[in-house]
N, C-alpha and C. Protein backbone atom coordinates (compact mmCIF):
# COMPACT_ATOMS: atom_id res chain seq x y z
N MET A 1 -34.18 52.85 -41.68
CA MET A 1 -32.81 53.06 -42.14
C MET A 1 -32.47 54.55 -42.03
N PRO A 2 -31.26 54.88 -41.60
CA PRO A 2 -30.89 56.29 -41.45
C PRO A 2 -30.84 57.01 -42.80
N ARG A 3 -31.04 58.29 -42.74
CA ARG A 3 -30.97 59.12 -43.94
C ARG A 3 -29.72 59.98 -43.87
N LEU A 4 -28.90 59.89 -44.92
CA LEU A 4 -27.71 60.72 -45.04
C LEU A 4 -27.98 61.79 -46.08
N ALA A 5 -27.36 62.94 -45.92
CA ALA A 5 -27.52 64.04 -46.88
C ALA A 5 -26.16 64.48 -47.39
N LEU A 6 -26.11 64.74 -48.67
CA LEU A 6 -24.89 65.22 -49.32
C LEU A 6 -25.24 66.45 -50.13
N SER A 7 -24.55 67.54 -49.86
CA SER A 7 -24.70 68.76 -50.66
C SER A 7 -23.43 68.97 -51.47
N LEU A 8 -23.60 69.28 -52.73
CA LEU A 8 -22.47 69.57 -53.61
C LEU A 8 -22.55 71.02 -54.02
N LEU A 9 -21.46 71.74 -53.82
CA LEU A 9 -21.43 73.16 -54.16
C LEU A 9 -20.22 73.43 -55.04
N ARG A 10 -20.49 74.01 -56.19
CA ARG A 10 -19.37 74.48 -57.01
C ARG A 10 -18.91 75.80 -56.41
N HIS A 11 -17.61 76.01 -56.33
CA HIS A 11 -17.08 77.26 -55.77
C HIS A 11 -17.71 78.46 -56.47
N ALA A 12 -17.69 79.60 -55.80
CA ALA A 12 -18.22 80.83 -56.37
C ALA A 12 -17.28 81.35 -57.47
N LYS A 13 -17.76 82.30 -58.23
CA LYS A 13 -17.06 82.84 -59.40
C LYS A 13 -15.69 83.42 -59.01
N SER A 14 -14.69 83.00 -59.74
CA SER A 14 -13.33 83.46 -59.44
C SER A 14 -12.92 84.60 -60.38
N SER A 15 -11.87 85.26 -59.97
CA SER A 15 -11.35 86.40 -60.72
C SER A 15 -10.26 85.96 -61.69
N TRP A 16 -10.29 86.56 -62.85
CA TRP A 16 -9.24 86.34 -63.85
C TRP A 16 -8.45 87.63 -64.07
N ASP A 17 -8.55 88.58 -63.12
CA ASP A 17 -7.89 89.88 -63.26
C ASP A 17 -6.38 89.78 -63.36
N ASP A 18 -5.79 88.85 -62.65
CA ASP A 18 -4.33 88.68 -62.66
C ASP A 18 -3.98 87.40 -63.42
N SER A 19 -3.61 87.56 -64.66
CA SER A 19 -3.34 86.39 -65.52
C SER A 19 -2.05 85.66 -65.12
N THR A 20 -1.27 86.24 -64.23
CA THR A 20 -0.03 85.57 -63.80
C THR A 20 -0.28 84.57 -62.66
N LEU A 21 -1.46 84.64 -62.04
CA LEU A 21 -1.75 83.72 -60.94
C LEU A 21 -2.00 82.31 -61.46
N PRO A 22 -1.44 81.32 -60.81
CA PRO A 22 -1.78 79.94 -61.16
C PRO A 22 -3.27 79.69 -60.86
N ASP A 23 -3.88 78.75 -61.55
CA ASP A 23 -5.30 78.46 -61.37
C ASP A 23 -5.66 78.22 -59.91
N HIS A 24 -4.85 77.49 -59.20
CA HIS A 24 -5.10 77.14 -57.80
C HIS A 24 -5.18 78.38 -56.91
N GLU A 25 -4.55 79.47 -57.32
CA GLU A 25 -4.43 80.66 -56.48
C GLU A 25 -5.44 81.77 -56.81
N ARG A 26 -6.34 81.54 -57.76
CA ARG A 26 -7.28 82.60 -58.14
C ARG A 26 -8.29 82.88 -57.03
N PRO A 27 -8.49 84.17 -56.67
CA PRO A 27 -9.47 84.55 -55.64
C PRO A 27 -10.87 84.67 -56.25
N LEU A 28 -11.83 84.98 -55.41
CA LEU A 28 -13.18 85.25 -55.89
C LEU A 28 -13.26 86.66 -56.46
N ASN A 29 -14.17 86.84 -57.40
CA ASN A 29 -14.44 88.19 -57.88
C ASN A 29 -15.67 88.74 -57.14
N PRO A 30 -16.02 90.01 -57.32
CA PRO A 30 -17.17 90.58 -56.59
C PRO A 30 -18.47 89.81 -56.82
N ARG A 31 -18.70 89.34 -58.03
CA ARG A 31 -19.91 88.54 -58.31
C ARG A 31 -19.90 87.24 -57.50
N GLY A 32 -18.73 86.62 -57.37
CA GLY A 32 -18.61 85.40 -56.59
C GLY A 32 -18.88 85.64 -55.11
N ILE A 33 -18.40 86.75 -54.60
CA ILE A 33 -18.63 87.09 -53.20
C ILE A 33 -20.12 87.26 -52.94
N LYS A 34 -20.80 87.96 -53.83
CA LYS A 34 -22.24 88.17 -53.69
C LYS A 34 -22.99 86.84 -53.76
N ALA A 35 -22.61 85.98 -54.70
CA ALA A 35 -23.28 84.69 -54.87
C ALA A 35 -23.10 83.80 -53.65
N ALA A 36 -21.89 83.73 -53.11
CA ALA A 36 -21.64 82.91 -51.93
C ALA A 36 -22.43 83.42 -50.73
N THR A 37 -22.59 84.71 -50.63
CA THR A 37 -23.38 85.31 -49.55
C THR A 37 -24.85 84.92 -49.68
N ARG A 38 -25.35 84.91 -50.91
CA ARG A 38 -26.74 84.48 -51.14
C ARG A 38 -26.94 83.03 -50.73
N ILE A 39 -26.01 82.18 -51.14
CA ILE A 39 -26.11 80.76 -50.80
C ILE A 39 -26.02 80.56 -49.29
N SER A 40 -25.17 81.32 -48.63
CA SER A 40 -25.04 81.24 -47.18
C SER A 40 -26.38 81.52 -46.50
N ARG A 41 -27.04 82.59 -46.92
CA ARG A 41 -28.35 82.94 -46.36
C ARG A 41 -29.35 81.82 -46.59
N TYR A 42 -29.32 81.25 -47.80
CA TYR A 42 -30.24 80.16 -48.13
C TYR A 42 -30.01 78.95 -47.23
N LEU A 43 -28.76 78.56 -47.04
CA LEU A 43 -28.46 77.41 -46.19
C LEU A 43 -29.00 77.61 -44.78
N LEU A 44 -28.82 78.81 -44.26
CA LEU A 44 -29.28 79.12 -42.92
C LEU A 44 -30.81 79.12 -42.85
N GLU A 45 -31.45 79.79 -43.79
CA GLU A 45 -32.92 79.88 -43.80
C GLU A 45 -33.58 78.52 -43.98
N GLU A 46 -32.96 77.66 -44.76
CA GLU A 46 -33.55 76.35 -45.06
C GLU A 46 -33.10 75.25 -44.09
N GLY A 47 -32.24 75.57 -43.14
CA GLY A 47 -31.77 74.57 -42.20
C GLY A 47 -30.91 73.51 -42.87
N LEU A 48 -30.12 73.91 -43.85
CA LEU A 48 -29.29 72.96 -44.60
C LEU A 48 -27.81 73.05 -44.23
N LEU A 49 -27.53 73.48 -43.03
CA LEU A 49 -26.13 73.57 -42.62
C LEU A 49 -25.57 72.16 -42.41
N PRO A 50 -24.44 71.87 -43.02
CA PRO A 50 -23.87 70.53 -42.90
C PRO A 50 -23.16 70.32 -41.56
N ASP A 51 -22.92 69.06 -41.25
CA ASP A 51 -22.13 68.69 -40.08
C ASP A 51 -20.64 68.75 -40.39
N LEU A 52 -20.31 68.49 -41.65
CA LEU A 52 -18.92 68.43 -42.10
C LEU A 52 -18.84 69.01 -43.50
N VAL A 53 -17.82 69.83 -43.73
CA VAL A 53 -17.56 70.39 -45.06
C VAL A 53 -16.23 69.85 -45.55
N LEU A 54 -16.23 69.33 -46.77
CA LEU A 54 -15.00 68.88 -47.43
C LEU A 54 -14.78 69.80 -48.60
N SER A 55 -13.64 70.48 -48.60
CA SER A 55 -13.39 71.50 -49.61
C SER A 55 -12.04 71.31 -50.28
N SER A 56 -12.02 71.60 -51.55
CA SER A 56 -10.75 71.74 -52.24
C SER A 56 -9.94 72.79 -51.50
N ASP A 57 -8.63 72.71 -51.61
CA ASP A 57 -7.79 73.69 -50.92
C ASP A 57 -7.42 74.89 -51.78
N SER A 58 -8.07 75.06 -52.92
CA SER A 58 -7.77 76.23 -53.75
C SER A 58 -8.24 77.50 -53.05
N VAL A 59 -7.68 78.63 -53.46
CA VAL A 59 -8.04 79.91 -52.85
C VAL A 59 -9.53 80.18 -53.01
N ARG A 60 -10.08 79.93 -54.19
CA ARG A 60 -11.49 80.25 -54.43
C ARG A 60 -12.45 79.35 -53.64
N THR A 61 -12.10 78.09 -53.41
CA THR A 61 -12.98 77.23 -52.61
C THR A 61 -12.87 77.58 -51.13
N ARG A 62 -11.67 77.92 -50.69
CA ARG A 62 -11.51 78.37 -49.29
C ARG A 62 -12.30 79.64 -49.04
N ALA A 63 -12.24 80.58 -49.98
CA ALA A 63 -12.97 81.83 -49.83
C ALA A 63 -14.47 81.58 -49.86
N THR A 64 -14.91 80.68 -50.71
CA THR A 64 -16.34 80.33 -50.76
C THR A 64 -16.78 79.77 -49.41
N ALA A 65 -16.02 78.84 -48.87
CA ALA A 65 -16.37 78.25 -47.56
C ALA A 65 -16.41 79.32 -46.48
N ALA A 66 -15.45 80.22 -46.48
CA ALA A 66 -15.42 81.28 -45.47
C ALA A 66 -16.68 82.15 -45.55
N LEU A 67 -17.10 82.49 -46.75
CA LEU A 67 -18.30 83.31 -46.92
C LEU A 67 -19.57 82.55 -46.54
N LEU A 68 -19.57 81.26 -46.74
CA LEU A 68 -20.75 80.46 -46.41
C LEU A 68 -20.97 80.37 -44.90
N PHE A 69 -19.88 80.21 -44.14
CA PHE A 69 -20.03 79.84 -42.74
C PHE A 69 -19.55 80.86 -41.73
N THR A 70 -18.89 81.92 -42.14
CA THR A 70 -18.43 82.94 -41.20
C THR A 70 -19.57 83.73 -40.58
N PRO A 71 -20.62 84.07 -41.33
CA PRO A 71 -21.66 84.92 -40.73
C PRO A 71 -22.62 84.20 -39.79
N LEU A 72 -22.39 82.94 -39.50
CA LEU A 72 -23.31 82.20 -38.66
C LEU A 72 -23.28 82.70 -37.22
N ASP A 73 -24.43 82.61 -36.56
CA ASP A 73 -24.49 82.99 -35.15
C ASP A 73 -24.22 81.79 -34.25
N ARG A 74 -23.59 80.78 -34.81
CA ARG A 74 -23.22 79.56 -34.08
C ARG A 74 -21.88 79.09 -34.62
N PRO A 75 -21.24 78.16 -33.95
CA PRO A 75 -19.96 77.67 -34.47
C PRO A 75 -20.13 77.06 -35.88
N PRO A 76 -19.20 77.32 -36.76
CA PRO A 76 -19.31 76.76 -38.11
C PRO A 76 -19.08 75.25 -38.09
N PRO A 77 -19.50 74.56 -39.13
CA PRO A 77 -19.21 73.13 -39.19
C PRO A 77 -17.71 72.90 -39.33
N ALA A 78 -17.29 71.69 -39.03
CA ALA A 78 -15.90 71.32 -39.26
C ALA A 78 -15.62 71.38 -40.75
N ILE A 79 -14.48 71.95 -41.12
CA ILE A 79 -14.11 72.06 -42.54
C ILE A 79 -12.76 71.38 -42.74
N VAL A 80 -12.71 70.48 -43.70
CA VAL A 80 -11.47 69.80 -44.07
C VAL A 80 -11.11 70.27 -45.47
N TYR A 81 -9.95 70.92 -45.58
CA TYR A 81 -9.44 71.36 -46.89
C TYR A 81 -8.46 70.32 -47.39
N THR A 82 -8.64 69.89 -48.62
CA THR A 82 -7.76 68.88 -49.18
C THR A 82 -7.49 69.10 -50.66
N ASN A 83 -6.26 68.91 -51.04
CA ASN A 83 -5.89 69.00 -52.44
C ASN A 83 -6.49 67.85 -53.24
N ASP A 84 -6.94 66.80 -52.56
CA ASP A 84 -7.56 65.67 -53.26
C ASP A 84 -8.85 66.06 -53.98
N LEU A 85 -9.45 67.19 -53.59
CA LEU A 85 -10.68 67.66 -54.26
C LEU A 85 -10.41 68.69 -55.35
N TYR A 86 -9.17 69.13 -55.47
CA TYR A 86 -8.84 70.12 -56.49
C TYR A 86 -8.91 69.46 -57.87
N LEU A 87 -9.88 69.90 -58.66
CA LEU A 87 -10.12 69.38 -60.01
C LEU A 87 -10.35 67.86 -60.03
N ALA A 88 -10.92 67.34 -58.96
CA ALA A 88 -11.16 65.90 -58.83
C ALA A 88 -12.31 65.43 -59.72
N ASP A 89 -12.22 64.17 -60.14
CA ASP A 89 -13.31 63.58 -60.91
C ASP A 89 -14.33 63.01 -59.93
N PRO A 90 -15.50 62.58 -60.41
CA PRO A 90 -16.56 62.10 -59.51
C PRO A 90 -16.12 60.96 -58.59
N ASP A 91 -15.38 60.00 -59.10
CA ASP A 91 -14.92 58.89 -58.26
C ASP A 91 -14.00 59.36 -57.15
N GLU A 92 -13.13 60.31 -57.48
CA GLU A 92 -12.22 60.85 -56.46
C GLU A 92 -13.00 61.62 -55.39
N ILE A 93 -14.01 62.36 -55.80
CA ILE A 93 -14.81 63.11 -54.83
C ILE A 93 -15.51 62.15 -53.87
N LEU A 94 -16.14 61.11 -54.42
CA LEU A 94 -16.81 60.12 -53.56
C LEU A 94 -15.81 59.42 -52.63
N ALA A 95 -14.62 59.15 -53.13
CA ALA A 95 -13.59 58.51 -52.31
C ALA A 95 -13.22 59.40 -51.12
N VAL A 96 -13.12 60.71 -51.35
CA VAL A 96 -12.81 61.64 -50.26
C VAL A 96 -13.95 61.66 -49.24
N VAL A 97 -15.19 61.69 -49.72
CA VAL A 97 -16.34 61.68 -48.81
C VAL A 97 -16.31 60.43 -47.94
N ARG A 98 -16.12 59.28 -48.56
CA ARG A 98 -16.10 58.02 -47.80
C ARG A 98 -14.93 57.98 -46.81
N ARG A 99 -13.76 58.43 -47.26
CA ARG A 99 -12.57 58.42 -46.40
C ARG A 99 -12.75 59.31 -45.18
N GLU A 100 -13.20 60.53 -45.41
CA GLU A 100 -13.33 61.49 -44.31
C GLU A 100 -14.45 61.09 -43.36
N ALA A 101 -15.54 60.54 -43.88
CA ALA A 101 -16.63 60.07 -43.01
C ALA A 101 -16.15 58.88 -42.17
N ALA A 102 -15.33 58.02 -42.75
CA ALA A 102 -14.82 56.85 -42.02
C ALA A 102 -13.93 57.29 -40.85
N LEU A 103 -13.24 58.41 -41.00
CA LEU A 103 -12.40 58.91 -39.91
C LEU A 103 -13.23 59.33 -38.70
N LEU A 104 -14.51 59.59 -38.95
CA LEU A 104 -15.43 60.01 -37.89
C LEU A 104 -16.43 58.90 -37.58
N ASP A 105 -16.02 57.68 -37.76
CA ASP A 105 -16.91 56.52 -37.68
C ASP A 105 -17.72 56.44 -36.38
N ARG A 106 -17.13 56.86 -35.28
CA ARG A 106 -17.86 56.77 -34.01
C ARG A 106 -19.01 57.78 -33.93
N ALA A 107 -18.84 58.91 -34.60
CA ALA A 107 -19.89 59.93 -34.65
C ALA A 107 -19.97 60.43 -36.09
N PRO A 108 -20.47 59.58 -36.99
CA PRO A 108 -20.46 59.96 -38.41
C PRO A 108 -21.38 61.14 -38.68
N PRO A 109 -20.96 62.02 -39.58
CA PRO A 109 -21.81 63.15 -39.94
C PRO A 109 -23.05 62.67 -40.69
N ARG A 110 -24.17 63.31 -40.46
CA ARG A 110 -25.42 62.99 -41.18
C ARG A 110 -25.49 63.77 -42.48
N HIS A 111 -24.85 64.94 -42.50
CA HIS A 111 -24.91 65.81 -43.69
C HIS A 111 -23.49 66.31 -43.99
N ILE A 112 -23.02 65.97 -45.17
CA ILE A 112 -21.70 66.42 -45.64
C ILE A 112 -21.90 67.34 -46.83
N MET A 113 -21.13 68.41 -46.86
CA MET A 113 -21.09 69.30 -48.03
C MET A 113 -19.71 69.20 -48.66
N VAL A 114 -19.68 69.13 -49.98
CA VAL A 114 -18.43 69.16 -50.73
C VAL A 114 -18.40 70.45 -51.53
N ILE A 115 -17.30 71.18 -51.42
CA ILE A 115 -17.08 72.39 -52.22
C ILE A 115 -15.91 72.09 -53.15
N ALA A 116 -16.21 72.06 -54.44
CA ALA A 116 -15.18 71.65 -55.39
C ALA A 116 -15.39 72.34 -56.74
N HIS A 117 -14.89 71.71 -57.77
CA HIS A 117 -14.76 72.34 -59.09
C HIS A 117 -15.50 71.55 -60.17
N ASN A 118 -15.78 72.25 -61.25
CA ASN A 118 -16.29 71.58 -62.44
C ASN A 118 -15.11 71.10 -63.27
N PRO A 119 -15.24 70.06 -64.03
CA PRO A 119 -16.47 69.32 -64.32
C PRO A 119 -16.80 68.22 -63.32
N GLY A 120 -15.91 67.92 -62.38
CA GLY A 120 -16.12 66.80 -61.47
C GLY A 120 -17.38 66.92 -60.64
N ILE A 121 -17.66 68.12 -60.10
CA ILE A 121 -18.82 68.29 -59.24
C ILE A 121 -20.11 68.09 -60.04
N GLN A 122 -20.16 68.59 -61.26
CA GLN A 122 -21.34 68.42 -62.11
C GLN A 122 -21.53 66.96 -62.49
N HIS A 123 -20.46 66.29 -62.87
CA HIS A 123 -20.57 64.88 -63.25
C HIS A 123 -21.02 64.02 -62.07
N LEU A 124 -20.53 64.33 -60.88
CA LEU A 124 -20.99 63.59 -59.70
C LEU A 124 -22.47 63.86 -59.46
N ALA A 125 -22.87 65.13 -59.53
CA ALA A 125 -24.28 65.48 -59.32
C ALA A 125 -25.19 64.76 -60.32
N LEU A 126 -24.73 64.60 -61.53
CA LEU A 126 -25.54 63.90 -62.54
C LEU A 126 -25.57 62.39 -62.32
N SER A 127 -24.53 61.85 -61.69
CA SER A 127 -24.47 60.39 -61.50
C SER A 127 -25.24 59.91 -60.27
N LEU A 128 -25.48 60.76 -59.30
CA LEU A 128 -26.06 60.32 -58.03
C LEU A 128 -27.56 60.02 -58.05
N PRO A 129 -28.38 60.82 -58.74
CA PRO A 129 -29.83 60.61 -58.57
C PRO A 129 -30.34 59.28 -59.11
N GLY A 130 -31.12 58.62 -58.25
CA GLY A 130 -31.92 57.49 -58.67
C GLY A 130 -33.35 57.98 -58.85
N SER A 131 -33.63 59.13 -58.20
CA SER A 131 -34.92 59.78 -58.35
C SER A 131 -34.75 61.27 -58.06
N GLY A 132 -35.77 62.00 -58.43
CA GLY A 132 -35.77 63.45 -58.28
C GLY A 132 -36.56 64.05 -59.42
N ARG A 133 -36.77 65.33 -59.35
CA ARG A 133 -37.52 66.00 -60.43
C ARG A 133 -36.73 65.94 -61.72
N ARG A 134 -37.36 65.43 -62.75
CA ARG A 134 -36.72 65.29 -64.06
C ARG A 134 -36.18 66.63 -64.56
N ALA A 135 -36.95 67.71 -64.35
CA ALA A 135 -36.54 69.03 -64.82
C ALA A 135 -35.24 69.47 -64.15
N ASP A 136 -35.07 69.14 -62.86
CA ASP A 136 -33.84 69.49 -62.16
C ASP A 136 -32.65 68.72 -62.72
N ILE A 137 -32.85 67.44 -62.97
CA ILE A 137 -31.77 66.62 -63.52
C ILE A 137 -31.38 67.11 -64.91
N GLU A 138 -32.37 67.45 -65.72
CA GLU A 138 -32.08 67.97 -67.07
C GLU A 138 -31.35 69.31 -66.99
N ARG A 139 -31.73 70.14 -66.03
CA ARG A 139 -31.06 71.43 -65.84
C ARG A 139 -29.60 71.24 -65.46
N LEU A 140 -29.35 70.24 -64.61
CA LEU A 140 -27.96 69.94 -64.22
C LEU A 140 -27.12 69.49 -65.41
N ALA A 141 -27.74 68.77 -66.30
CA ALA A 141 -27.01 68.27 -67.47
C ALA A 141 -26.58 69.42 -68.38
N LEU A 142 -27.35 70.49 -68.40
CA LEU A 142 -27.03 71.63 -69.26
C LEU A 142 -25.95 72.52 -68.66
N LYS A 143 -26.05 72.77 -67.36
CA LYS A 143 -25.12 73.72 -66.75
C LYS A 143 -25.09 73.55 -65.24
N TYR A 144 -23.92 73.69 -64.66
CA TYR A 144 -23.75 73.71 -63.21
C TYR A 144 -22.95 74.98 -62.91
N PRO A 145 -23.65 76.11 -62.79
CA PRO A 145 -22.95 77.39 -62.67
C PRO A 145 -22.18 77.53 -61.36
N THR A 146 -21.30 78.50 -61.31
CA THR A 146 -20.55 78.76 -60.09
C THR A 146 -21.53 79.06 -58.96
N ALA A 147 -21.19 78.59 -57.77
CA ALA A 147 -21.98 78.73 -56.54
C ALA A 147 -23.31 77.98 -56.59
N ALA A 148 -23.49 77.10 -57.56
CA ALA A 148 -24.70 76.27 -57.60
C ALA A 148 -24.60 75.20 -56.53
N LEU A 149 -25.75 74.88 -55.96
CA LEU A 149 -25.85 73.91 -54.88
C LEU A 149 -26.84 72.81 -55.28
N THR A 150 -26.42 71.57 -55.12
CA THR A 150 -27.35 70.45 -55.26
C THR A 150 -27.38 69.74 -53.92
N HIS A 151 -28.56 69.27 -53.56
CA HIS A 151 -28.73 68.60 -52.27
C HIS A 151 -29.38 67.25 -52.50
N PHE A 152 -28.74 66.20 -51.98
CA PHE A 152 -29.19 64.82 -52.16
C PHE A 152 -29.42 64.17 -50.81
N THR A 153 -30.33 63.21 -50.78
CA THR A 153 -30.46 62.35 -49.62
C THR A 153 -30.30 60.90 -50.05
N PHE A 154 -29.86 60.09 -49.10
CA PHE A 154 -29.63 58.66 -49.32
C PHE A 154 -30.24 57.90 -48.15
N GLU A 155 -30.91 56.81 -48.44
CA GLU A 155 -31.32 55.87 -47.40
C GLU A 155 -30.16 54.89 -47.27
N ALA A 156 -29.29 55.15 -46.31
CA ALA A 156 -28.08 54.35 -46.17
C ALA A 156 -27.64 54.34 -44.72
N LYS A 157 -27.02 53.24 -44.31
CA LYS A 157 -26.51 53.12 -42.94
C LYS A 157 -25.16 53.79 -42.77
N SER A 158 -24.41 53.85 -43.86
CA SER A 158 -23.04 54.34 -43.79
C SER A 158 -22.70 55.08 -45.07
N TRP A 159 -21.74 55.98 -44.97
CA TRP A 159 -21.26 56.69 -46.15
C TRP A 159 -20.60 55.74 -47.14
N ARG A 160 -20.17 54.59 -46.68
CA ARG A 160 -19.61 53.58 -47.60
C ARG A 160 -20.67 53.07 -48.57
N ASP A 161 -21.95 53.19 -48.17
CA ASP A 161 -23.05 52.66 -48.97
C ASP A 161 -23.55 53.60 -50.05
N ILE A 162 -23.12 54.85 -50.02
CA ILE A 162 -23.63 55.77 -51.05
C ILE A 162 -22.93 55.48 -52.37
N ALA A 163 -23.71 55.60 -53.44
CA ALA A 163 -23.17 55.27 -54.76
C ALA A 163 -24.02 55.96 -55.82
N PRO A 164 -23.47 56.08 -57.01
CA PRO A 164 -24.26 56.64 -58.11
C PRO A 164 -25.58 55.86 -58.29
N GLY A 165 -26.62 56.63 -58.58
CA GLY A 165 -27.93 56.04 -58.83
C GLY A 165 -28.73 55.73 -57.59
N CYS A 166 -28.21 56.05 -56.41
CA CYS A 166 -28.89 55.70 -55.14
C CYS A 166 -29.49 56.89 -54.41
N ALA A 167 -29.34 58.08 -54.92
CA ALA A 167 -29.75 59.29 -54.20
C ALA A 167 -31.09 59.81 -54.69
N VAL A 168 -31.70 60.59 -53.83
CA VAL A 168 -32.85 61.41 -54.23
C VAL A 168 -32.31 62.83 -54.39
N LEU A 169 -32.48 63.39 -55.57
CA LEU A 169 -32.11 64.78 -55.79
C LEU A 169 -33.22 65.63 -55.19
N GLU A 170 -32.91 66.29 -54.09
CA GLU A 170 -33.91 67.05 -53.35
C GLU A 170 -34.08 68.48 -53.89
N ARG A 171 -32.95 69.10 -54.26
CA ARG A 171 -33.03 70.48 -54.76
C ARG A 171 -31.79 70.88 -55.54
N VAL A 172 -32.03 71.81 -56.44
CA VAL A 172 -30.97 72.45 -57.22
C VAL A 172 -31.17 73.95 -57.02
N ILE A 173 -30.16 74.61 -56.49
CA ILE A 173 -30.26 76.04 -56.20
C ILE A 173 -29.09 76.75 -56.87
N THR A 174 -29.39 77.84 -57.52
CA THR A 174 -28.35 78.70 -58.07
C THR A 174 -28.50 80.09 -57.43
N PRO A 175 -27.43 80.84 -57.35
CA PRO A 175 -27.54 82.18 -56.78
C PRO A 175 -28.59 83.04 -57.50
N ARG A 176 -28.70 82.87 -58.80
CA ARG A 176 -29.69 83.66 -59.55
C ARG A 176 -31.12 83.31 -59.18
N SER A 177 -31.35 82.11 -58.69
CA SER A 177 -32.71 81.70 -58.32
C SER A 177 -33.12 82.27 -56.97
N LEU A 178 -32.17 82.88 -56.27
CA LEU A 178 -32.44 83.43 -54.93
C LEU A 178 -32.58 84.94 -55.00
N LYS A 179 -33.48 85.46 -54.20
CA LYS A 179 -33.66 86.91 -54.14
C LYS A 179 -32.71 87.51 -53.11
N ASP A 180 -32.30 88.73 -53.35
CA ASP A 180 -31.44 89.43 -52.37
C ASP A 180 -32.17 89.73 -51.09
């Protein structure tokens, strides 16, 4: 049976310097820029670059995606920005994954990354594992910090088949866990 991979990334730390900006329009702060750069290096070093990226269309998620994939020495993955992921709940996030993968049915992506917001991204990450290191799952329950990455695999033929409780939680990475 084919193996599908799903990576969930919470956007990097945003700036609250301008209190007049609507939430959707907040940019990254310097700490967020540094964190996204660390995660970018990790993805490249570990060979975890996705085939398709699904991102909220907020300024901070767009900036996170740009920092993740701009420095590559190869073409970046396809990125779909959608308002459907802005502050989406876990069911909405999974619906977007299934919908976008179905659009590519003839050549479905093997690895999809979602860049979105809390609490939806954390709740989805907690709902997916059927197995994985208990300590990682417990850590996710406590906190899903900005720019945190979770990586799951599924034994599934199609993205329609992925569901809560069916994934293997392969890794939990935070920017702080990575060295400069």
